[in-house]
């Protein structure tokens, strides 16, 4: 996501995701360079493994 999208970054963190990468000036958009943030979570963490994040859905 774009580094300026702080609401999405906060959501990723609430879901138990961690910041895994930051690509500075990755793309040129609306006359300026944008930095990309990469968030991730492992499948076993998402299913309630190490981080205790609950399994989504029924």
PDB file of N, CA and C in Angstrom:
ATOM      1  N   UNK A   1       0.835  -1.169   0.000  1.00  0.00           N
ATOM      2  CA  UNK A   1       0.000   0.000   0.000  1.00  0.00           C
ATOM      3  C   UNK A   1       0.883   1.236   0.000  1.00  0.00           C
ATOM      4  N   UNK A   2       0.294   2.357  -0.366  1.00  0.00           N
ATOM      5  CA  UNK A   2       1.016   3.620  -0.337  1.00  0.00           C
ATOM      6  C   UNK A   2       1.315   3.991   1.111  1.00  0.00           C
ATOM      7  N   UNK A   3       2.502   4.473   1.360  1.00  0.00           N
ATOM      8  CA  UNK A   3       2.926   4.861   2.708  1.00  0.00           C
ATOM      9  C   UNK A   3       1.996   5.907   3.328  1.00  0.00           C
ATOM     10  N   UNK A   4       1.362   6.713   2.514  1.00  0.00           N
ATOM     11  CA  UNK A   4       0.466   7.753   3.026  1.00  0.00           C
ATOM     12  C   UNK A   4      -0.884   7.193   3.481  1.00  0.00           C
ATOM     13  N   UNK A   5      -1.167   5.944   3.170  1.00  0.00           N
ATOM     14  CA  UNK A   5      -2.436   5.327   3.537  1.00  0.00           C
ATOM     15  C   UNK A   5      -2.338   4.773   4.961  1.00  0.00           C
ATOM     16  N   UNK A   6      -2.357   5.664   5.923  1.00  0.00           N
ATOM     17  CA  UNK A   6      -2.160   5.277   7.317  1.00  0.00           C
ATOM     18  C   UNK A   6      -3.335   4.465   7.870  1.00  0.00           C
ATOM     19  N   UNK A   7      -4.538   4.685   7.360  1.00  0.00           N
ATOM     20  CA  UNK A   7      -5.698   3.922   7.830  1.00  0.00           C
ATOM     21  C   UNK A   7      -5.543   2.439   7.469  1.00  0.00           C
ATOM     22  N   UNK A   8      -5.096   2.145   6.266  1.00  0.00           N
ATOM     23  CA  UNK A   8      -4.894   0.756   5.858  1.00  0.00           C
ATOM     24  C   UNK A   8      -3.747   0.117   6.629  1.00  0.00           C
ATOM     25  N   UNK A   9      -2.699   0.871   6.892  1.00  0.00           N
ATOM     26  CA  UNK A   9      -1.577   0.356   7.677  1.00  0.00           C
ATOM     27  C   UNK A   9      -2.041  -0.001   9.092  1.00  0.00           C
ATOM     28  N   UNK A  10      -2.864   0.852   9.681  1.00  0.00           N
ATOM     29  CA  UNK A  10      -3.389   0.586  11.024  1.00  0.00           C
ATOM     30  C   UNK A  10      -4.257  -0.667  11.026  1.00  0.00           C
ATOM     31  N   UNK A  11      -5.055  -0.869   9.991  1.00  0.00           N
ATOM     32  CA  UNK A  11      -5.887  -2.062   9.880  1.00  0.00           C
ATOM     33  C   UNK A  11      -5.010  -3.315   9.792  1.00  0.00           C
ATOM     34  N   UNK A  12      -3.982  -3.278   8.976  1.00  0.00           N
ATOM     35  CA  UNK A  12      -3.076  -4.419   8.859  1.00  0.00           C
ATOM     36  C   UNK A  12      -2.477  -4.773  10.217  1.00  0.00           C
ATOM     37  N   UNK A  13      -2.070  -3.776  10.972  1.00  0.00           N
ATOM     38  CA  UNK A  13      -1.480  -4.011  12.287  1.00  0.00           C
ATOM     39  C   UNK A  13      -2.509  -4.592  13.253  1.00  0.00           C
ATOM     40  N   UNK A  14      -3.750  -4.094  13.213  1.00  0.00           N
ATOM     41  CA  UNK A  14      -4.805  -4.635  14.084  1.00  0.00           C
ATOM     42  C   UNK A  14      -5.106  -6.099  13.757  1.00  0.00           C
ATOM     43  N   UNK A  15      -4.935  -6.481  12.498  1.00  0.00           N
ATOM     44  CA  UNK A  15      -5.171  -7.860  12.072  1.00  0.00           C
ATOM     45  C   UNK A  15      -4.005  -8.787  12.399  1.00  0.00           C
ATOM     46  N   UNK A  16      -2.964  -8.236  12.983  1.00  0.00           N
ATOM     47  CA  UNK A  16      -1.810  -9.047  13.364  1.00  0.00           C
ATOM     48  C   UNK A  16      -0.729  -9.138  12.312  1.00  0.00           C
ATOM     49  N   UNK A  17      -0.833  -8.327  11.280  1.00  0.00           N
ATOM     50  CA  UNK A  17       0.177  -8.337  10.224  1.00  0.00           C
ATOM     51  C   UNK A  17       1.383  -7.518  10.675  1.00  0.00           C
ATOM     52  N   UNK A  18       2.512  -7.782  10.064  1.00  0.00           N
ATOM     53  CA  UNK A  18       3.724  -7.029  10.398  1.00  0.00           C
ATOM     54  C   UNK A  18       4.277  -6.372   9.135  1.00  0.00           C
ATOM     55  N   UNK A  19       4.965  -5.277   9.335  1.00  0.00           N
ATOM     56  CA  UNK A  19       5.610  -4.583   8.225  1.00  0.00           C
ATOM     57  C   UNK A  19       6.829  -5.392   7.811  1.00  0.00           C
ATOM     58  N   UNK A  20       6.856  -5.815   6.549  1.00  0.00           N
ATOM     59  CA  UNK A  20       7.963  -6.632   6.065  1.00  0.00           C
ATOM     60  C   UNK A  20       8.839  -5.902   5.059  1.00  0.00           C
ATOM     61  N   UNK A  21       8.369  -4.813   4.514  1.00  0.00           N
ATOM     62  CA  UNK A  21       9.188  -4.110   3.545  1.00  0.00           C
ATOM     63  C   UNK A  21       8.700  -2.703   3.280  1.00  0.00           C
ATOM     64  N   UNK A  22       9.622  -1.878   2.835  1.00  0.00           N
ATOM     65  CA  UNK A  22       9.309  -0.491   2.487  1.00  0.00           C
ATOM     66  C   UNK A  22      10.115  -0.165   1.237  1.00  0.00           C
ATOM     67  N   UNK A  23       9.410   0.011   0.129  1.00  0.00           N
ATOM     68  CA  UNK A  23      10.063   0.311  -1.151  1.00  0.00           C
ATOM     69  C   UNK A  23       9.949   1.806  -1.417  1.00  0.00           C
ATOM     70  N   UNK A  24      11.034   2.498  -1.182  1.00  0.00           N
ATOM     71  CA  UNK A  24      11.067   3.957  -1.303  1.00  0.00           C
ATOM     72  C   UNK A  24      11.010   4.358  -2.777  1.00  0.00           C
ATOM     73  N   UNK A  25      10.134   5.331  -3.060  1.00  0.00           N
ATOM     74  CA  UNK A  25       9.984   5.867  -4.426  1.00  0.00           C
ATOM     75  C   UNK A  25       9.767   4.748  -5.447  1.00  0.00           C
ATOM     76  N   UNK A  26       8.842   3.857  -5.158  1.00  0.00           N
ATOM     77  CA  UNK A  26       8.587   2.704  -6.027  1.00  0.00           C
ATOM     78  C   UNK A  26       7.903   3.100  -7.327  1.00  0.00           C
ATOM     79  N   UNK A  27       6.961   4.021  -7.273  1.00  0.00           N
ATOM     80  CA  UNK A  27       6.265   4.423  -8.489  1.00  0.00           C
ATOM     81  C   UNK A  27       5.988   5.922  -8.471  1.00  0.00           C
ATOM     82  N   UNK A  28       5.799   6.454  -9.658  1.00  0.00           N
ATOM     83  CA  UNK A  28       5.520   7.882  -9.841  1.00  0.00           C
ATOM     84  C   UNK A  28       4.031   8.033 -10.087  1.00  0.00           C
ATOM     85  N   UNK A  29       3.350   8.767  -9.205  1.00  0.00           N
ATOM     86  CA  UNK A  29       1.893   8.876  -9.255  1.00  0.00           C
ATOM     87  C   UNK A  29       1.466  10.295  -8.908  1.00  0.00           C
ATOM     88  N   UNK A  30       0.639  10.865  -9.748  1.00  0.00           N
ATOM     89  CA  UNK A  30       0.138  12.233  -9.556  1.00  0.00           C
ATOM     90  C   UNK A  30       1.272  13.226  -9.299  1.00  0.00           C
ATOM     91  N   UNK A  31       2.252  13.164 -10.164  1.00  0.00           N
ATOM     92  CA  UNK A  31       3.383  14.103 -10.166  1.00  0.00           C
ATOM     93  C   UNK A  31       4.300  14.008  -8.954  1.00  0.00           C
ATOM     94  N   UNK A  32       4.302  12.855  -8.253  1.00  0.00           N
ATOM     95  CA  UNK A  32       5.281  12.682  -7.180  1.00  0.00           C
ATOM     96  C   UNK A  32       5.578  11.203  -6.990  1.00  0.00           C
ATOM     97  N   UNK A  33       6.709  10.928  -6.372  1.00  0.00           N
ATOM     98  CA  UNK A  33       7.107   9.556  -6.112  1.00  0.00           C
ATOM     99  C   UNK A  33       6.383   9.031  -4.883  1.00  0.00           C
ATOM    100  N   UNK A  34       5.948   7.777  -4.955  1.00  0.00           N
ATOM    101  CA  UNK A  34       5.222   7.142  -3.854  1.00  0.00           C
ATOM    102  C   UNK A  34       6.051   5.992  -3.286  1.00  0.00           C
ATOM    103  N   UNK A  35       5.969   5.834  -1.986  1.00  0.00           N
ATOM    104  CA  UNK A  35       6.661   4.755  -1.288  1.00  0.00           C
ATOM    105  C   UNK A  35       5.652   3.664  -0.948  1.00  0.00           C
ATOM    106  N   UNK A  36       6.024   2.415  -1.212  1.00  0.00           N
ATOM    107  CA  UNK A  36       5.140   1.278  -0.977  1.00  0.00           C
ATOM    108  C   UNK A  36       5.517   0.594   0.334  1.00  0.00           C
ATOM    109  N   UNK A  37       4.504   0.237   1.119  1.00  0.00           N
ATOM    110  CA  UNK A  37       4.692  -0.507   2.357  1.00  0.00           C
ATOM    111  C   UNK A  37       4.140  -1.918   2.140  1.00  0.00           C
ATOM    112  N   UNK A  38       4.878  -2.938   2.587  1.00  0.00           N
ATOM    113  CA  UNK A  38       4.485  -4.333   2.420  1.00  0.00           C
ATOM    114  C   UNK A  38       4.200  -4.930   3.804  1.00  0.00           C
ATOM    115  N   UNK A  39       2.954  -5.367   4.016  1.00  0.00           N
ATOM    116  CA  UNK A  39       2.556  -6.029   5.264  1.00  0.00           C
ATOM    117  C   UNK A  39       2.235  -7.480   4.961  1.00  0.00           C
ATOM    118  N   UNK A  40       2.484  -8.367   5.942  1.00  0.00           N
ATOM    119  CA  UNK A  40       2.220  -9.787   5.728  1.00  0.00           C
ATOM    120  C   UNK A  40       1.951 -10.490   7.052  1.00  0.00           C
ATOM    121  N   UNK A  41       1.338 -11.677   6.934  1.00  0.00           N
ATOM    122  CA  UNK A  41       1.130 -12.580   8.063  1.00  0.00           C
ATOM    123  C   UNK A  41       1.219 -13.996   7.515  1.00  0.00           C
ATOM    124  N   UNK A  42       1.828 -14.897   8.267  1.00  0.00           N
ATOM    125  CA  UNK A  42       1.916 -16.290   7.840  1.00  0.00           C
ATOM    126  C   UNK A  42       0.578 -16.983   8.018  1.00  0.00           C
ATOM    127  N   UNK A  43       0.311 -17.983   7.213  1.00  0.00           N
ATOM    128  CA  UNK A  43      -0.969 -18.689   7.252  1.00  0.00           C
ATOM    129  C   UNK A  43      -1.247 -19.288   8.626  1.00  0.00           C
ATOM    130  N   UNK A  44      -0.242 -19.897   9.265  1.00  0.00           N
ATOM    131  CA  UNK A  44      -0.483 -20.490  10.580  1.00  0.00           C
ATOM    132  C   UNK A  44      -0.722 -19.434  11.647  1.00  0.00           C
ATOM    133  N   UNK A  45      -0.136 -18.247  11.484  1.00  0.00           N
ATOM    134  CA  UNK A  45      -0.416 -17.140  12.399  1.00  0.00           C
ATOM    135  C   UNK A  45      -1.857 -16.671  12.221  1.00  0.00           C
ATOM    136  N   UNK A  46      -2.287 -16.587  10.972  1.00  0.00           N
ATOM    137  CA  UNK A  46      -3.650 -16.124  10.683  1.00  0.00           C
ATOM    138  C   UNK A  46      -4.692 -17.096  11.253  1.00  0.00           C
ATOM    139  N   UNK A  47      -4.371 -18.386  11.224  1.00  0.00           N
ATOM    140  CA  UNK A  47      -5.297 -19.408  11.735  1.00  0.00           C
ATOM    141  C   UNK A  47      -5.275 -19.486  13.251  1.00  0.00           C
ATOM    142  N   UNK A  48      -4.556 -18.606  13.924  1.00  0.00           N
ATOM    143  CA  UNK A  48      -4.547 -18.592  15.379  1.00  0.00           C
ATOM    144  C   UNK A  48      -3.324 -19.225  15.991  1.00  0.00           C
ATOM    145  N   UNK A  49      -2.263 -19.339  15.201  1.00  0.00           N
ATOM    146  CA  UNK A  49      -1.023 -19.930  15.696  1.00  0.00           C
ATOM    147  C   UNK A  49      -0.283 -19.003  16.627  1.00  0.00           C
ATOM    148  N   UNK A  50       0.890 -18.598  16.253  1.00  0.00           N
ATOM    149  CA  UNK A  50       1.791 -17.846  17.120  1.00  0.00           C
ATOM    150  C   UNK A  50       1.235 -16.518  17.599  1.00  0.00           C
ATOM    151  N   UNK A  51       0.529 -15.793  16.746  1.00  0.00           N
ATOM    152  CA  UNK A  51       0.062 -14.462  17.140  1.00  0.00           C
ATOM    153  C   UNK A  51      -1.307 -14.484  17.804  1.00  0.00           C
ATOM    154  N   UNK A  52      -2.023 -15.605  17.725  1.00  0.00           N
ATOM    155  CA  UNK A  52      -3.344 -15.685  18.334  1.00  0.00           C
ATOM    156  C   UNK A  52      -4.424 -14.977  17.548  1.00  0.00           C
ATOM    157  N   UNK A  53      -4.148 -14.619  16.300  1.00  0.00           N
ATOM    158  CA  UNK A  53      -5.152 -13.978  15.466  1.00  0.00           C
ATOM    159  C   UNK A  53      -6.239 -15.001  15.160  1.00  0.00           C
ATOM    160  N   UNK A  54      -7.518 -14.676  15.401  1.00  0.00           N
ATOM    161  CA  UNK A  54      -8.579 -15.655  15.165  1.00  0.00           C
ATOM    162  C   UNK A  54      -8.762 -15.994  13.690  1.00  0.00           C
ATOM    163  N   UNK A  55      -9.258 -17.176  13.436  1.00  0.00           N
ATOM    164  CA  UNK A  55      -9.553 -17.613  12.078  1.00  0.00           C
ATOM    165  C   UNK A  55     -10.723 -16.815  11.526  1.00  0.00           C
ATOM    166  N   UNK A  56     -10.569 -16.207  10.338  1.00  0.00           N
ATOM    167  CA  UNK A  56     -11.665 -15.433   9.759  1.00  0.00           C
ATOM    168  C   UNK A  56     -12.773 -16.340   9.221  1.00  0.00           C
ATOM    169  N   UNK A  57     -13.967 -15.828   9.243  1.00  0.00           N
ATOM    170  CA  UNK A  57     -15.101 -16.532   8.646  1.00  0.00           C
ATOM    171  C   UNK A  57     -15.679 -17.629   9.520  1.00  0.00           C
ATOM    172  N   UNK A  58     -16.754 -18.255   9.031  1.00  0.00           N
ATOM    173  CA  UNK A  58     -17.430 -19.308   9.814  1.00  0.00           C
ATOM    174  C   UNK A  58     -16.634 -20.607   9.879  1.00  0.00           C
TER     175      UNK A  58
END
